[in-house]
C-alpha atoms as a PDB file:
ATOM      1  CA  MET A   1      90.434  81.894   5.557  1.00  0.00           C
ATOM      2  CA  THR A   2      92.118  83.543   8.881  1.00  0.00           C
ATOM      3  CA  ASN A   3      92.395  87.230   9.473  1.00  0.00           C
ATOM      4  CA  THR A   4      95.964  86.935   8.548  1.00  0.00           C
ATOM      5  CA  GLU A   5      94.941  85.589   5.136  1.00  0.00           C
ATOM      6  CA  ILE A   6      92.384  88.384   4.694  1.00  0.00           C
ATOM      7  CA  PHE A   7      94.823  90.941   5.574  1.00  0.00           C
ATOM      8  CA  GLY A   8      97.888  89.257   3.271  1.00  0.00           C
ATOM      9  CA  ILE A   9      95.264  89.154   0.295  1.00  0.00           C
ATOM     10  CA  LEU A  10      94.119  92.868   0.720  1.00  0.00           C
ATOM     11  CA  ILE A  11      97.659  94.600   1.427  1.00  0.00           C
ATOM     12  CA  LEU A  12      99.092  92.627  -1.419  1.00  0.00           C
ATOM     13  CA  ALA A  13      96.134  93.556  -3.853  1.00  0.00           C
ATOM     14  CA  PHE A  14      97.156  97.254  -2.781  1.00  0.00           C
ATOM     15  CA  LEU A  15     100.781  96.916  -3.482  1.00  0.00           C
ATOM     16  CA  ALA A  16     100.073  94.819  -6.744  1.00  0.00           C
ATOM     17  CA  ILE A  17      97.739  97.514  -7.866  1.00  0.00           C
ATOM     18  CA  THR A  18     100.190 100.386  -6.939  1.00  0.00           C
ATOM     19  CA  PHE A  19     103.219  98.730  -8.610  1.00  0.00           C
ATOM     20  CA  LEU A  20     101.581  97.326 -12.051  1.00  0.00           C
ATOM     21  CA  GLN A  21      99.797 100.537 -12.681  1.00  0.00           C
ATOM     22  CA  SER A  22     102.713 102.513 -12.103  1.00  0.00           C
ATOM     23  CA  GLY A  23     104.662 100.113 -14.365  1.00  0.00           C
ATOM     24  CA  TYR A  24     102.076 100.457 -16.776  1.00  0.00           C
ATOM     25  CA  ASP A  25     102.312 104.003 -16.907  1.00  0.00           C
ATOM     26  CA  LYS A  26     106.041 103.740 -17.507  1.00  0.00           C
ATOM     27  CA  ILE A  27     105.585 101.602 -20.334  1.00  0.00           C
ATOM     28  CA  MET A  28     102.719 103.573 -21.991  1.00  0.00           C
ATOM     29  CA  ASP A  29     104.532 106.790 -21.552  1.00  0.00           C
ATOM     30  CA  TRP A  30     107.907 106.281 -21.417  1.00  0.00           C
ATOM     31  CA  LYS A  31     109.366 109.277 -23.541  1.00  0.00           C
ATOM     32  CA  GLY A  32     106.961 111.872 -21.064  1.00  0.00           C
ATOM     33  CA  ASN A  33     108.310 110.174 -18.038  1.00  0.00           C
ATOM     34  CA  VAL A  34     111.847 110.310 -19.089  1.00  0.00           C
ATOM     35  CA  GLU A  35     111.368 113.937 -20.152  1.00  0.00           C
ATOM     36  CA  TRP A  36     109.933 114.809 -16.824  1.00  0.00           C
ATOM     37  CA  LEU A  37     112.137 113.002 -14.627  1.00  0.00           C
ATOM     38  CA  LYS A  38     115.478 114.862 -16.650  1.00  0.00           C
ATOM     39  CA  GLY A  39     113.837 117.938 -15.092  1.00  0.00           C
ATOM     40  CA  HIS A  40     113.351 116.383 -11.927  1.00  0.00           C
ATOM     41  CA  PHE A  41     117.137 115.377 -11.299  1.00  0.00           C
ATOM     42  CA  SER A  42     118.493 117.926 -13.539  1.00  0.00           C
ATOM     43  CA  GLN A  43     120.736 119.233 -10.332  1.00  0.00           C
ATOM     44  CA  THR A  44     121.442 115.706  -9.072  1.00  0.00           C
ATOM     45  CA  PHE A  45     124.571 113.151  -9.953  1.00  0.00           C
ATOM     46  CA  ILE A  46     121.717 110.781 -11.879  1.00  0.00           C
ATOM     47  CA  LYS A  47     121.026 113.601 -14.292  1.00  0.00           C
ATOM     48  CA  ASN A  48     122.836 111.498 -16.943  1.00  0.00           C
ATOM     49  CA  GLN A  49     121.433 108.465 -15.964  1.00  0.00           C
ATOM     50  CA  VAL A  50     117.503 109.177 -15.944  1.00  0.00           C
ATOM     51  CA  PRO A  51     116.447 106.627 -18.730  1.00  0.00           C
ATOM     52  CA  GLN A  52     118.735 103.718 -16.747  1.00  0.00           C
ATOM     53  CA  SER A  53     117.321 104.527 -13.661  1.00  0.00           C
ATOM     54  CA  LEU A  54     113.743 104.774 -14.641  1.00  0.00           C
ATOM     55  CA  PHE A  55     114.138 101.294 -16.757  1.00  0.00           C
ATOM     56  CA  LEU A  56     115.643  99.888 -13.108  1.00  0.00           C
ATOM     57  CA  ILE A  57     112.617 101.060 -11.268  1.00  0.00           C
ATOM     58  CA  LEU A  58     110.401  99.857 -13.905  1.00  0.00           C
ATOM     59  CA  VAL A  59     111.739  96.488 -13.399  1.00  0.00           C
ATOM     60  CA  LEU A  60     111.350  96.700  -9.556  1.00  0.00           C
ATOM     61  CA  GLU A  61     107.983  97.788  -9.632  1.00  0.00           C
ATOM     62  CA  VAL A  62     106.941  94.833 -12.270  1.00  0.00           C
ATOM     63  CA  ILE A  63     108.565  92.153 -10.440  1.00  0.00           C
ATOM     64  CA  ALA A  64     106.937  93.724  -7.085  1.00  0.00           C
ATOM     65  CA  GLY A  65     103.686  93.849  -8.681  1.00  0.00           C
ATOM     66  CA  ALA A  66     103.894  90.003 -10.094  1.00  0.00           C
ATOM     67  CA  LEU A  67     105.003  88.574  -6.825  1.00  0.00           C
ATOM     68  CA  CYS A  68     102.151  90.137  -4.783  1.00  0.00           C
ATOM     69  CA  VAL A  69      99.495  88.687  -7.728  1.00  0.00           C
ATOM     70  CA  ILE A  70     101.464  85.405  -7.208  1.00  0.00           C
ATOM     71  CA  GLY A  71     101.423  85.893  -3.435  1.00  0.00           C
ATOM     72  CA  ILE A  72      97.337  86.346  -3.616  1.00  0.00           C
ATOM     73  CA  ALA A  73      96.965  83.069  -5.657  1.00  0.00           C
ATOM     74  CA  GLN A  74      99.073  81.170  -3.036  1.00  0.00           C
ATOM     75  CA  LEU A  75      97.365  82.760  -0.221  1.00  0.00           C
ATOM     76  CA  LEU A  76      93.925  81.703  -1.670  1.00  0.00           C
ATOM     77  CA  MET A  77      94.766  78.601  -2.803  1.00  0.00           C
ATOM     78  CA  ASN A  78      96.849  76.891  -0.024  1.00  0.00           C
ATOM     79  CA  GLY A  79      97.116  79.666   2.725  1.00  0.00           C
ATOM     80  CA  VAL A  80     100.858  79.877   2.076  1.00  0.00           C
ATOM     81  CA  THR A  81     102.600  83.186   2.474  1.00  0.00           C
ATOM     82  CA  THR A  82     105.862  82.639   0.522  1.00  0.00           C
ATOM     83  CA  PHE A  83     105.284  84.850  -2.383  1.00  0.00           C
ATOM     84  CA  GLY A  84     103.386  87.164  -0.592  1.00  0.00           C
ATOM     85  CA  HIS A  85     106.243  87.887   1.592  1.00  0.00           C
ATOM     86  CA  TYR A  86     108.563  88.002  -1.494  1.00  0.00           C
ATOM     87  CA  GLY A  87     106.049  90.492  -3.149  1.00  0.00           C
ATOM     88  CA  ALA A  88     106.195  92.782   0.250  1.00  0.00           C
ATOM     89  CA  THR A  89     110.054  92.769   0.684  1.00  0.00           C
ATOM     90  CA  PHE A  90     110.429  93.467  -2.975  1.00  0.00           C
ATOM     91  CA  SER A  91     108.041  96.247  -2.792  1.00  0.00           C
ATOM     92  CA  CYS A  92     109.991  97.880   0.220  1.00  0.00           C
ATOM     93  CA  VAL A  93     113.040  97.521  -1.804  1.00  0.00           C
ATOM     94  CA  THR A  94     111.101  99.517  -4.775  1.00  0.00           C
ATOM     95  CA  LEU A  95     109.760 101.792  -2.347  1.00  0.00           C
ATOM     96  CA  LEU A  96     113.486 102.686  -0.813  1.00  0.00           C
ATOM     97  CA  PHE A  97     114.657 103.195  -4.263  1.00  0.00           C
ATOM     98  CA  LEU A  98     112.104 105.548  -4.793  1.00  0.00           C
ATOM     99  CA  LEU A  99     112.540 107.333  -1.655  1.00  0.00           C
ATOM    100  CA  PHE A 100     116.173 107.680  -2.396  1.00  0.00           C
ATOM    101  CA  GLY A 101     115.768 109.578  -5.620  1.00  0.00           C
ATOM    102  CA  GLN A 102     113.060 111.762  -4.362  1.00  0.00           C
ATOM    103  CA  ARG A 103     115.466 112.979  -1.535  1.00  0.00           C
ATOM    104  CA  ILE A 104     118.270 113.347  -3.622  1.00  0.00           C
ATOM    105  CA  ALA A 105     116.275 115.643  -5.945  1.00  0.00           C
ATOM    106  CA  LYS A 106     115.399 117.390  -2.635  1.00  0.00           C
ATOM    107  CA  ASP A 107     111.212 116.631  -3.074  1.00  0.00           C
ATOM    108  CA  TYR A 108     110.533 116.396   0.168  1.00  0.00           C
ATOM    109  CA  ASP A 109     106.786 116.340  -0.587  1.00  0.00           C
ATOM    110  CA  GLY A 110     107.340 113.557  -2.856  1.00  0.00           C
ATOM    111  CA  ALA A 111     109.575 111.441  -0.369  1.00  0.00           C
ATOM    112  CA  ARG A 112     106.932 112.115   2.518  1.00  0.00           C
ATOM    113  CA  THR A 113     104.209 110.566   0.095  1.00  0.00           C
ATOM    114  CA  ILE A 114     106.467 107.469  -0.463  1.00  0.00           C
ATOM    115  CA  VAL A 115     106.338 107.030   3.110  1.00  0.00           C
ATOM    116  CA  ILE A 116     102.621 106.620   3.071  1.00  0.00           C
ATOM    117  CA  TYR A 117     103.086 103.595   0.758  1.00  0.00           C
ATOM    118  CA  PHE A 118     106.143 102.175   2.741  1.00  0.00           C
ATOM    119  CA  ILE A 119     104.152 101.592   6.061  1.00  0.00           C
ATOM    120  CA  PRO A 120     101.537  99.120   4.790  1.00  0.00           C
ATOM    121  CA  ALA A 121     104.470  97.377   2.638  1.00  0.00           C
ATOM    122  CA  ILE A 122     106.483  96.890   5.634  1.00  0.00           C
ATOM    123  CA  LEU A 123     103.443  96.084   7.812  1.00  0.00           C
ATOM    124  CA  ALA A 124     102.735  93.221   5.224  1.00  0.00           C
ATOM    125  CA  VAL A 125     106.556  91.849   5.518  1.00  0.00           C
ATOM    126  CA  TYR A 126     106.199  91.555   9.257  1.00  0.00           C
ATOM    127  CA  TRP A 127     102.470  89.898   9.132  1.00  0.00           C
ATOM    128  CA  LEU A 128     103.311  87.485   5.941  1.00  0.00           C
END
């Protein structure tokens, strides 16, 4: 196994855990998440679309996480990075949506936190 494959597996595992756990949390506590986010976005133009926006984020997170898991399997089985690249790219898109939400809510600390996740995700896009 090459260093690139090991790197790919580790970073894809990080992204898969991040997004699948987040998606699971949204499913298990949908009502709590919607209520909290209604307050978070109460002064923004999406204040009336919180459930729809949360659903979009949920779908993006689950797709990103699933692609990362498939990418890990593909790397382990034959060293191919196609699905890993898709997973990393989808992760970046998801994080950009989250960053946009934090910025419009003027939650700059939350936006800064998303950048911490974006750095390894964008590196994965480059390396995979």
